[in-house]
Amino acid sequence: METVLKDLEDSGQKNECEFDLSLARGLDYYTGAIFEVKAQGGTMKSSICGGGRYDDLTGVFGLKGMSGVGISFGADRIYDVLLETNKFPAELGSSTKLLFANFGEKEAVHCLKLLRQVREAGIAAELDVDSGKMAKQFKYANDKDIPYVAILGENEKQGTVTI
């Protein structure tokens, strides 16, 4: 524990680390050290992630004698803390600049090649995961403040994209 605390101090991080022998987790498969992570700032006092050491947990699933360390993150708790402490970037909701409309499997495969090229050029882009109606895809782009939609369907000429 001295090594861990010293390494944390030497790292220059401004996080707090507390050694608490009374800490207990409700899951009975932990067999060694356990840990919890709490957010700095905000009103949430409960942990946002936690885990610990366990021996032979995999034995339940047929793999005997395997020990390990596990961690779980409370995504909803982390989200609440980020929201409360204004840690979300202002541009987060509108980071995607170009949405490739999805007309089906064949067109999506071609769009994926273009998507890679566009991203390599530094443009944040995505392919709509559903090959639904155009109106629904345009609504998605509007709801996410995506300013451009690339249309690449069967009716488009070879080598052209409608924006």
N, C-alpha and C. Protein backbone atom coordinates (compact mmCIF):
# COMPACT_ATOMS: atom_id res chain seq x y z
N MET A 1 0.83 -1.19 0.00
CA MET A 1 0.00 0.00 0.00
C MET A 1 0.88 1.25 0.00
N GLU A 2 2.01 1.16 0.70
CA GLU A 2 2.94 2.30 0.71
C GLU A 2 3.42 2.62 -0.71
N THR A 3 3.69 1.58 -1.49
CA THR A 3 4.15 1.77 -2.87
C THR A 3 3.08 2.46 -3.70
N VAL A 4 1.84 2.01 -3.58
CA VAL A 4 0.74 2.61 -4.33
C VAL A 4 0.57 4.08 -3.96
N LEU A 5 0.55 4.37 -2.67
CA LEU A 5 0.38 5.75 -2.23
C LEU A 5 1.56 6.63 -2.68
N LYS A 6 2.77 6.11 -2.62
CA LYS A 6 3.96 6.86 -3.05
C LYS A 6 3.90 7.11 -4.55
N ASP A 7 3.55 6.09 -5.33
CA ASP A 7 3.45 6.24 -6.78
C ASP A 7 2.39 7.28 -7.15
N LEU A 8 1.28 7.28 -6.44
CA LEU A 8 0.24 8.28 -6.70
C LEU A 8 0.75 9.68 -6.41
N GLU A 9 1.46 9.82 -5.32
CA GLU A 9 2.03 11.12 -4.96
C GLU A 9 3.05 11.58 -6.01
N ASP A 10 3.91 10.67 -6.44
CA ASP A 10 4.95 11.00 -7.42
C ASP A 10 4.38 11.30 -8.80
N SER A 11 3.18 10.82 -9.09
CA SER A 11 2.60 11.01 -10.42
C SER A 11 2.19 12.44 -10.70
N GLY A 12 2.04 13.25 -9.65
CA GLY A 12 1.63 14.63 -9.84
C GLY A 12 0.14 14.82 -9.98
N GLN A 13 -0.62 13.74 -9.90
CA GLN A 13 -2.07 13.84 -9.98
C GLN A 13 -2.61 14.55 -8.74
N LYS A 14 -3.71 15.24 -8.90
CA LYS A 14 -4.30 15.97 -7.78
C LYS A 14 -5.50 15.23 -7.21
N ASN A 15 -5.51 13.92 -7.37
CA ASN A 15 -6.60 13.11 -6.86
C ASN A 15 -6.31 12.70 -5.42
N GLU A 16 -7.36 12.43 -4.70
CA GLU A 16 -7.22 11.95 -3.33
C GLU A 16 -7.28 10.43 -3.34
N CYS A 17 -6.50 9.82 -2.47
CA CYS A 17 -6.54 8.37 -2.30
C CYS A 17 -6.64 8.10 -0.81
N GLU A 18 -7.63 7.32 -0.44
CA GLU A 18 -7.87 7.03 0.97
C GLU A 18 -7.79 5.53 1.18
N PHE A 19 -7.04 5.13 2.17
CA PHE A 19 -6.91 3.71 2.54
C PHE A 19 -7.91 3.45 3.65
N ASP A 20 -8.91 2.61 3.39
CA ASP A 20 -10.01 2.39 4.33
C ASP A 20 -10.19 0.90 4.57
N LEU A 21 -9.75 0.42 5.73
CA LEU A 21 -9.85 -1.00 6.05
C LEU A 21 -11.29 -1.43 6.32
N SER A 22 -12.19 -0.48 6.55
CA SER A 22 -13.58 -0.84 6.85
C SER A 22 -14.43 -0.99 5.60
N LEU A 23 -13.88 -0.69 4.43
CA LEU A 23 -14.64 -0.78 3.18
C LEU A 23 -15.00 -2.22 2.89
N ALA A 24 -16.25 -2.45 2.54
CA ALA A 24 -16.72 -3.79 2.19
C ALA A 24 -17.66 -3.68 1.00
N ARG A 25 -17.57 -4.63 0.11
CA ARG A 25 -18.47 -4.68 -1.04
C ARG A 25 -19.47 -5.80 -0.82
N GLY A 26 -20.63 -5.66 -1.39
CA GLY A 26 -21.70 -6.61 -1.16
C GLY A 26 -21.58 -7.92 -1.91
N LEU A 27 -20.60 -8.08 -2.77
CA LEU A 27 -20.48 -9.31 -3.55
C LEU A 27 -19.50 -10.24 -2.87
N ASP A 28 -19.90 -11.50 -2.69
CA ASP A 28 -19.09 -12.42 -1.90
C ASP A 28 -17.94 -13.08 -2.67
N TYR A 29 -17.76 -12.79 -3.95
CA TYR A 29 -16.68 -13.43 -4.68
C TYR A 29 -15.35 -12.69 -4.56
N TYR A 30 -15.34 -11.49 -3.98
CA TYR A 30 -14.07 -10.79 -3.79
C TYR A 30 -13.27 -11.49 -2.70
N THR A 31 -12.00 -11.71 -2.97
CA THR A 31 -11.16 -12.47 -2.03
C THR A 31 -9.93 -11.68 -1.59
N GLY A 32 -9.79 -10.46 -2.02
CA GLY A 32 -8.62 -9.67 -1.67
C GLY A 32 -8.99 -8.21 -1.61
N ALA A 33 -8.06 -7.37 -2.01
CA ALA A 33 -8.27 -5.93 -1.98
C ALA A 33 -9.46 -5.53 -2.84
N ILE A 34 -10.21 -4.56 -2.36
CA ILE A 34 -11.32 -3.99 -3.13
C ILE A 34 -11.09 -2.49 -3.22
N PHE A 35 -11.74 -1.87 -4.19
CA PHE A 35 -11.57 -0.42 -4.34
C PHE A 35 -12.86 0.20 -4.83
N GLU A 36 -12.98 1.49 -4.55
CA GLU A 36 -14.09 2.30 -5.03
C GLU A 36 -13.53 3.62 -5.51
N VAL A 37 -14.17 4.20 -6.50
CA VAL A 37 -13.78 5.50 -7.02
C VAL A 37 -14.97 6.44 -6.85
N LYS A 38 -14.68 7.59 -6.25
CA LYS A 38 -15.71 8.61 -6.07
C LYS A 38 -15.32 9.83 -6.87
N ALA A 39 -16.32 10.56 -7.33
CA ALA A 39 -16.08 11.75 -8.13
C ALA A 39 -15.67 12.92 -7.24
N GLN A 40 -14.77 13.74 -7.75
CA GLN A 40 -14.45 14.99 -7.07
C GLN A 40 -15.39 16.05 -7.61
N GLY A 41 -15.96 16.83 -6.74
CA GLY A 41 -16.89 17.86 -7.16
C GLY A 41 -18.28 17.27 -7.30
N GLY A 42 -19.25 18.12 -7.28
CA GLY A 42 -20.63 17.65 -7.38
C GLY A 42 -21.15 17.17 -6.04
N THR A 43 -22.41 16.79 -6.04
CA THR A 43 -23.05 16.39 -4.79
C THR A 43 -23.10 14.88 -4.59
N MET A 44 -22.73 14.10 -5.61
CA MET A 44 -22.80 12.65 -5.49
C MET A 44 -21.72 12.16 -4.53
N LYS A 45 -22.16 11.46 -3.50
CA LYS A 45 -21.22 10.95 -2.49
C LYS A 45 -20.96 9.46 -2.66
N SER A 46 -21.76 8.77 -3.44
CA SER A 46 -21.55 7.35 -3.66
C SER A 46 -20.50 7.13 -4.74
N SER A 47 -20.03 5.90 -4.85
CA SER A 47 -18.96 5.61 -5.81
C SER A 47 -19.49 5.60 -7.24
N ILE A 48 -18.60 5.93 -8.17
CA ILE A 48 -18.95 5.89 -9.59
C ILE A 48 -18.36 4.66 -10.27
N CYS A 49 -17.43 3.98 -9.60
CA CYS A 49 -16.94 2.70 -10.07
C CYS A 49 -16.28 1.97 -8.91
N GLY A 50 -16.13 0.68 -9.07
CA GLY A 50 -15.53 -0.12 -8.01
C GLY A 50 -15.20 -1.50 -8.51
N GLY A 51 -14.43 -2.20 -7.71
CA GLY A 51 -14.03 -3.55 -8.10
C GLY A 51 -13.09 -4.14 -7.08
N GLY A 52 -12.35 -5.15 -7.49
CA GLY A 52 -11.42 -5.76 -6.57
C GLY A 52 -10.85 -7.07 -7.08
N ARG A 53 -10.18 -7.74 -6.17
CA ARG A 53 -9.49 -9.00 -6.44
C ARG A 53 -10.45 -10.16 -6.17
N TYR A 54 -10.41 -11.15 -7.04
CA TYR A 54 -11.20 -12.36 -6.80
C TYR A 54 -10.41 -13.57 -7.27
N ASP A 55 -10.57 -14.66 -6.57
CA ASP A 55 -9.93 -15.91 -6.94
C ASP A 55 -11.00 -16.91 -7.35
N ASP A 56 -10.79 -17.56 -8.45
CA ASP A 56 -11.63 -18.65 -8.94
C ASP A 56 -13.08 -18.27 -9.23
N LEU A 57 -13.36 -17.00 -9.51
CA LEU A 57 -14.71 -16.62 -9.93
C LEU A 57 -15.05 -17.32 -11.24
N THR A 58 -14.08 -17.49 -12.10
CA THR A 58 -14.32 -18.14 -13.39
C THR A 58 -14.68 -19.61 -13.23
N GLY A 59 -14.41 -20.18 -12.06
CA GLY A 59 -14.78 -21.57 -11.81
C GLY A 59 -16.28 -21.79 -11.94
N VAL A 60 -17.06 -20.76 -11.66
CA VAL A 60 -18.52 -20.83 -11.82
C VAL A 60 -18.87 -21.09 -13.28
N PHE A 61 -18.02 -20.63 -14.19
CA PHE A 61 -18.28 -20.74 -15.62
C PHE A 61 -17.46 -21.86 -16.27
N GLY A 62 -16.83 -22.71 -15.44
CA GLY A 62 -16.13 -23.86 -15.97
C GLY A 62 -14.63 -23.71 -16.13
N LEU A 63 -14.07 -22.56 -15.81
CA LEU A 63 -12.63 -22.36 -15.93
C LEU A 63 -12.05 -22.24 -14.52
N LYS A 64 -11.65 -23.36 -13.96
CA LYS A 64 -11.17 -23.42 -12.56
C LYS A 64 -9.77 -22.84 -12.42
N GLY A 65 -9.48 -22.32 -11.23
CA GLY A 65 -8.15 -21.89 -10.86
C GLY A 65 -7.68 -20.58 -11.46
N MET A 66 -8.58 -19.79 -12.00
CA MET A 66 -8.19 -18.52 -12.62
C MET A 66 -8.52 -17.38 -11.66
N SER A 67 -7.54 -16.59 -11.32
CA SER A 67 -7.80 -15.44 -10.45
C SER A 67 -7.76 -14.18 -11.30
N GLY A 68 -8.21 -13.08 -10.73
CA GLY A 68 -8.20 -11.85 -11.50
C GLY A 68 -8.60 -10.65 -10.70
N VAL A 69 -8.66 -9.55 -11.39
CA VAL A 69 -9.10 -8.27 -10.83
C VAL A 69 -10.16 -7.73 -11.76
N GLY A 70 -11.23 -7.21 -11.21
CA GLY A 70 -12.30 -6.67 -12.04
C GLY A 70 -12.71 -5.29 -11.60
N ILE A 71 -13.33 -4.58 -12.51
CA ILE A 71 -13.83 -3.23 -12.23
C ILE A 71 -15.14 -3.02 -12.98
N SER A 72 -16.03 -2.27 -12.40
CA SER A 72 -17.25 -1.91 -13.11
C SER A 72 -17.46 -0.40 -12.97
N PHE A 73 -18.01 0.18 -14.02
CA PHE A 73 -18.25 1.62 -14.04
C PHE A 73 -19.75 1.87 -14.01
N GLY A 74 -20.18 2.82 -13.21
CA GLY A 74 -21.58 3.22 -13.16
C GLY A 74 -21.82 4.31 -14.18
N ALA A 75 -22.15 3.94 -15.41
CA ALA A 75 -22.28 4.92 -16.50
C ALA A 75 -23.31 5.99 -16.15
N ASP A 76 -24.43 5.61 -15.56
CA ASP A 76 -25.45 6.60 -15.21
C ASP A 76 -24.93 7.56 -14.15
N ARG A 77 -24.17 7.06 -13.18
CA ARG A 77 -23.61 7.92 -12.14
C ARG A 77 -22.55 8.86 -12.72
N ILE A 78 -21.71 8.34 -13.60
CA ILE A 78 -20.68 9.17 -14.24
C ILE A 78 -21.35 10.26 -15.06
N TYR A 79 -22.39 9.90 -15.80
CA TYR A 79 -23.13 10.87 -16.60
C TYR A 79 -23.70 11.97 -15.70
N ASP A 80 -24.32 11.58 -14.58
CA ASP A 80 -24.91 12.57 -13.67
C ASP A 80 -23.86 13.53 -13.13
N VAL A 81 -22.69 13.01 -12.76
CA VAL A 81 -21.61 13.87 -12.25
C VAL A 81 -21.12 14.81 -13.33
N LEU A 82 -20.91 14.30 -14.56
CA LEU A 82 -20.45 15.15 -15.65
C LEU A 82 -21.46 16.25 -15.95
N LEU A 83 -22.73 15.91 -15.91
CA LEU A 83 -23.78 16.88 -16.16
C LEU A 83 -23.81 17.95 -15.07
N GLU A 84 -23.76 17.51 -13.82
CA GLU A 84 -23.84 18.43 -12.68
C GLU A 84 -22.63 19.37 -12.62
N THR A 85 -21.46 18.88 -12.97
CA THR A 85 -20.24 19.68 -12.86
C THR A 85 -19.86 20.37 -14.18
N ASN A 86 -20.77 20.34 -15.15
CA ASN A 86 -20.56 21.00 -16.45
C ASN A 86 -19.26 20.56 -17.12
N LYS A 87 -19.02 19.26 -17.15
CA LYS A 87 -17.80 18.72 -17.75
C LYS A 87 -17.99 18.26 -19.19
N PHE A 88 -19.23 18.30 -19.69
CA PHE A 88 -19.45 17.94 -21.09
C PHE A 88 -18.98 19.10 -21.97
N PRO A 89 -18.20 18.81 -23.01
CA PRO A 89 -17.80 19.89 -23.93
C PRO A 89 -19.03 20.48 -24.63
N ALA A 90 -19.00 21.77 -24.88
CA ALA A 90 -20.13 22.44 -25.52
C ALA A 90 -20.43 21.85 -26.89
N GLU A 91 -19.41 21.41 -27.61
CA GLU A 91 -19.61 20.89 -28.95
C GLU A 91 -19.94 19.41 -28.98
N LEU A 92 -20.11 18.79 -27.83
CA LEU A 92 -20.34 17.35 -27.78
C LEU A 92 -21.56 16.93 -28.59
N GLY A 93 -22.65 17.65 -28.46
CA GLY A 93 -23.86 17.27 -29.16
C GLY A 93 -23.78 17.47 -30.66
N SER A 94 -22.88 18.30 -31.12
CA SER A 94 -22.80 18.58 -32.55
C SER A 94 -21.42 18.26 -33.11
N SER A 95 -20.76 17.28 -32.57
CA SER A 95 -19.40 16.99 -33.03
C SER A 95 -19.39 16.37 -34.43
N THR A 96 -20.40 15.59 -34.76
CA THR A 96 -20.46 15.00 -36.10
C THR A 96 -20.85 16.07 -37.10
N LYS A 97 -20.09 16.16 -38.18
CA LYS A 97 -20.34 17.18 -39.20
C LYS A 97 -21.01 16.61 -40.45
N LEU A 98 -20.88 15.28 -40.64
CA LEU A 98 -21.41 14.66 -41.85
C LEU A 98 -22.01 13.30 -41.51
N LEU A 99 -23.24 13.10 -41.93
CA LEU A 99 -23.91 11.82 -41.74
C LEU A 99 -24.10 11.17 -43.11
N PHE A 100 -23.63 9.94 -43.25
CA PHE A 100 -23.90 9.18 -44.47
C PHE A 100 -25.25 8.50 -44.30
N ALA A 101 -26.19 8.80 -45.17
CA ALA A 101 -27.49 8.14 -45.13
C ALA A 101 -27.31 6.67 -45.48
N ASN A 102 -28.13 5.83 -44.91
CA ASN A 102 -28.02 4.39 -45.10
C ASN A 102 -29.21 3.89 -45.91
N PHE A 103 -28.93 3.42 -47.13
CA PHE A 103 -29.99 2.91 -48.01
C PHE A 103 -30.05 1.39 -48.03
N GLY A 104 -29.15 0.75 -47.34
CA GLY A 104 -29.12 -0.70 -47.32
C GLY A 104 -27.71 -1.23 -47.22
N GLU A 105 -27.61 -2.54 -47.16
CA GLU A 105 -26.32 -3.19 -46.90
C GLU A 105 -25.27 -2.88 -47.97
N LYS A 106 -25.66 -2.98 -49.24
CA LYS A 106 -24.72 -2.75 -50.34
C LYS A 106 -24.19 -1.31 -50.33
N GLU A 107 -25.09 -0.37 -50.16
CA GLU A 107 -24.69 1.04 -50.13
C GLU A 107 -23.88 1.35 -48.87
N ALA A 108 -24.25 0.74 -47.75
CA ALA A 108 -23.54 0.98 -46.49
C ALA A 108 -22.08 0.54 -46.59
N VAL A 109 -21.84 -0.58 -47.25
CA VAL A 109 -20.46 -1.06 -47.42
C VAL A 109 -19.64 -0.02 -48.18
N HIS A 110 -20.21 0.55 -49.24
CA HIS A 110 -19.51 1.57 -50.00
C HIS A 110 -19.32 2.83 -49.14
N CYS A 111 -20.33 3.19 -48.37
CA CYS A 111 -20.24 4.38 -47.51
C CYS A 111 -19.16 4.21 -46.45
N LEU A 112 -18.96 3.01 -45.96
CA LEU A 112 -17.94 2.77 -44.93
C LEU A 112 -16.55 3.11 -45.46
N LYS A 113 -16.29 2.81 -46.73
CA LYS A 113 -15.00 3.16 -47.34
C LYS A 113 -14.84 4.67 -47.37
N LEU A 114 -15.89 5.36 -47.79
CA LEU A 114 -15.84 6.83 -47.84
C LEU A 114 -15.77 7.43 -46.44
N LEU A 115 -16.46 6.81 -45.51
CA LEU A 115 -16.45 7.27 -44.13
C LEU A 115 -15.03 7.28 -43.57
N ARG A 116 -14.28 6.24 -43.85
CA ARG A 116 -12.89 6.16 -43.40
C ARG A 116 -12.08 7.30 -44.00
N GLN A 117 -12.25 7.54 -45.30
CA GLN A 117 -11.50 8.60 -45.97
C GLN A 117 -11.85 9.97 -45.40
N VAL A 118 -13.12 10.19 -45.16
CA VAL A 118 -13.57 11.48 -44.62
C VAL A 118 -12.98 11.69 -43.22
N ARG A 119 -13.02 10.65 -42.40
CA ARG A 119 -12.45 10.75 -41.05
C ARG A 119 -10.95 10.99 -41.09
N GLU A 120 -10.26 10.32 -42.02
CA GLU A 120 -8.82 10.53 -42.16
C GLU A 120 -8.50 11.96 -42.58
N ALA A 121 -9.45 12.62 -43.25
CA ALA A 121 -9.28 14.01 -43.65
C ALA A 121 -9.62 14.97 -42.51
N GLY A 122 -9.98 14.42 -41.34
CA GLY A 122 -10.24 15.25 -40.17
C GLY A 122 -11.67 15.71 -40.02
N ILE A 123 -12.59 15.10 -40.75
CA ILE A 123 -14.01 15.48 -40.66
C ILE A 123 -14.73 14.43 -39.82
N ALA A 124 -15.37 14.88 -38.76
CA ALA A 124 -16.13 13.96 -37.90
C ALA A 124 -17.38 13.52 -38.66
N ALA A 125 -17.48 12.22 -38.90
CA ALA A 125 -18.58 11.71 -39.71
C ALA A 125 -19.05 10.37 -39.15
N GLU A 126 -20.27 10.00 -39.52
CA GLU A 126 -20.82 8.71 -39.13
C GLU A 126 -21.77 8.21 -40.19
N LEU A 127 -22.04 6.92 -40.13
CA LEU A 127 -23.01 6.27 -41.02
C LEU A 127 -24.23 5.94 -40.18
N ASP A 128 -25.40 6.33 -40.64
CA ASP A 128 -26.63 5.99 -39.92
C ASP A 128 -26.72 4.48 -39.80
N VAL A 129 -26.99 3.99 -38.61
CA VAL A 129 -27.00 2.54 -38.39
C VAL A 129 -28.23 1.86 -38.96
N ASP A 130 -29.30 2.62 -39.12
CA ASP A 130 -30.54 2.04 -39.67
C ASP A 130 -30.71 2.43 -41.13
N SER A 131 -31.14 1.46 -41.92
CA SER A 131 -31.43 1.79 -43.32
C SER A 131 -32.92 2.09 -43.45
N GLY A 132 -33.37 3.01 -42.62
CA GLY A 132 -34.78 3.36 -42.60
C GLY A 132 -35.13 4.42 -43.62
N LYS A 133 -36.26 5.02 -43.41
CA LYS A 133 -36.76 6.04 -44.32
C LYS A 133 -35.87 7.28 -44.25
N MET A 134 -35.77 7.97 -45.40
CA MET A 134 -34.95 9.18 -45.47
C MET A 134 -35.39 10.23 -44.46
N ALA A 135 -36.70 10.40 -44.29
CA ALA A 135 -37.20 11.41 -43.36
C ALA A 135 -36.68 11.15 -41.95
N LYS A 136 -36.64 9.88 -41.56
CA LYS A 136 -36.14 9.52 -40.23
C LYS A 136 -34.64 9.82 -40.10
N GLN A 137 -33.90 9.58 -41.17
CA GLN A 137 -32.46 9.84 -41.14
C GLN A 137 -32.18 11.35 -41.11
N PHE A 138 -32.96 12.13 -41.85
CA PHE A 138 -32.80 13.58 -41.81
C PHE A 138 -33.20 14.13 -40.44
N LYS A 139 -34.23 13.54 -39.84
CA LYS A 139 -34.64 13.97 -38.50
C LYS A 139 -33.52 13.69 -37.50
N TYR A 140 -32.88 12.53 -37.62
CA TYR A 140 -31.75 12.19 -36.75
C TYR A 140 -30.65 13.24 -36.91
N ALA A 141 -30.32 13.61 -38.15
CA ALA A 141 -29.29 14.62 -38.39
C ALA A 141 -29.68 15.95 -37.77
N ASN A 142 -30.93 16.34 -37.93
CA ASN A 142 -31.40 17.60 -37.33
C ASN A 142 -31.35 17.54 -35.81
N ASP A 143 -31.82 16.45 -35.23
CA ASP A 143 -31.82 16.31 -33.77
C ASP A 143 -30.42 16.36 -33.18
N LYS A 144 -29.44 15.86 -33.92
CA LYS A 144 -28.04 15.81 -33.45
C LYS A 144 -27.22 17.00 -33.96
N ASP A 145 -27.89 17.96 -34.59
CA ASP A 145 -27.21 19.15 -35.14
C ASP A 145 -26.08 18.78 -36.10
N ILE A 146 -26.32 17.76 -36.93
CA ILE A 146 -25.36 17.37 -37.96
C ILE A 146 -25.70 18.19 -39.20
N PRO A 147 -24.79 19.08 -39.63
CA PRO A 147 -25.15 20.01 -40.71
C PRO A 147 -25.22 19.42 -42.11
N TYR A 148 -24.55 18.29 -42.37
CA TYR A 148 -24.53 17.73 -43.72
C TYR A 148 -24.90 16.25 -43.72
N VAL A 149 -25.66 15.86 -44.76
CA VAL A 149 -26.02 14.46 -44.97
C VAL A 149 -25.55 14.07 -46.36
N ALA A 150 -24.78 12.99 -46.43
CA ALA A 150 -24.30 12.48 -47.71
C ALA A 150 -25.25 11.38 -48.18
N ILE A 151 -25.71 11.52 -49.41
CA ILE A 151 -26.65 10.55 -49.98
C ILE A 151 -25.92 9.80 -51.09
N LEU A 152 -25.87 8.50 -50.93
CA LEU A 152 -25.15 7.66 -51.87
C LEU A 152 -26.00 6.42 -52.11
N GLY A 153 -27.01 6.55 -52.92
CA GLY A 153 -27.92 5.45 -53.18
C GLY A 153 -27.71 4.86 -54.56
N GLU A 154 -28.55 3.90 -54.91
CA GLU A 154 -28.44 3.26 -56.22
C GLU A 154 -28.66 4.25 -57.35
N ASN A 155 -29.45 5.28 -57.12
CA ASN A 155 -29.74 6.25 -58.17
C ASN A 155 -28.61 7.25 -58.38
N GLU A 156 -27.66 7.30 -57.45
CA GLU A 156 -26.54 8.23 -57.59
C GLU A 156 -25.57 7.70 -58.65
N LYS A 157 -25.00 8.61 -59.39
CA LYS A 157 -24.05 8.21 -60.42
C LYS A 157 -22.75 7.72 -59.77
N GLN A 158 -22.07 6.83 -60.45
CA GLN A 158 -20.80 6.30 -59.97
C GLN A 158 -19.83 7.45 -59.68
N GLY A 159 -19.27 7.46 -58.47
CA GLY A 159 -18.26 8.45 -58.14
C GLY A 159 -18.83 9.78 -57.66
N THR A 160 -20.14 9.91 -57.50
CA THR A 160 -20.71 11.16 -57.00
C THR A 160 -21.46 10.92 -55.70
N VAL A 161 -21.51 11.95 -54.90
CA VAL A 161 -22.24 11.93 -53.64
C VAL A 161 -23.07 13.19 -53.58
N THR A 162 -24.33 13.07 -53.21
CA THR A 162 -25.17 14.23 -53.04
C THR A 162 -25.14 14.65 -51.58
N ILE A 163 -24.86 15.92 -51.32
CA ILE A 163 -24.80 16.44 -49.94
C ILE A 163 -26.03 17.29 -49.69
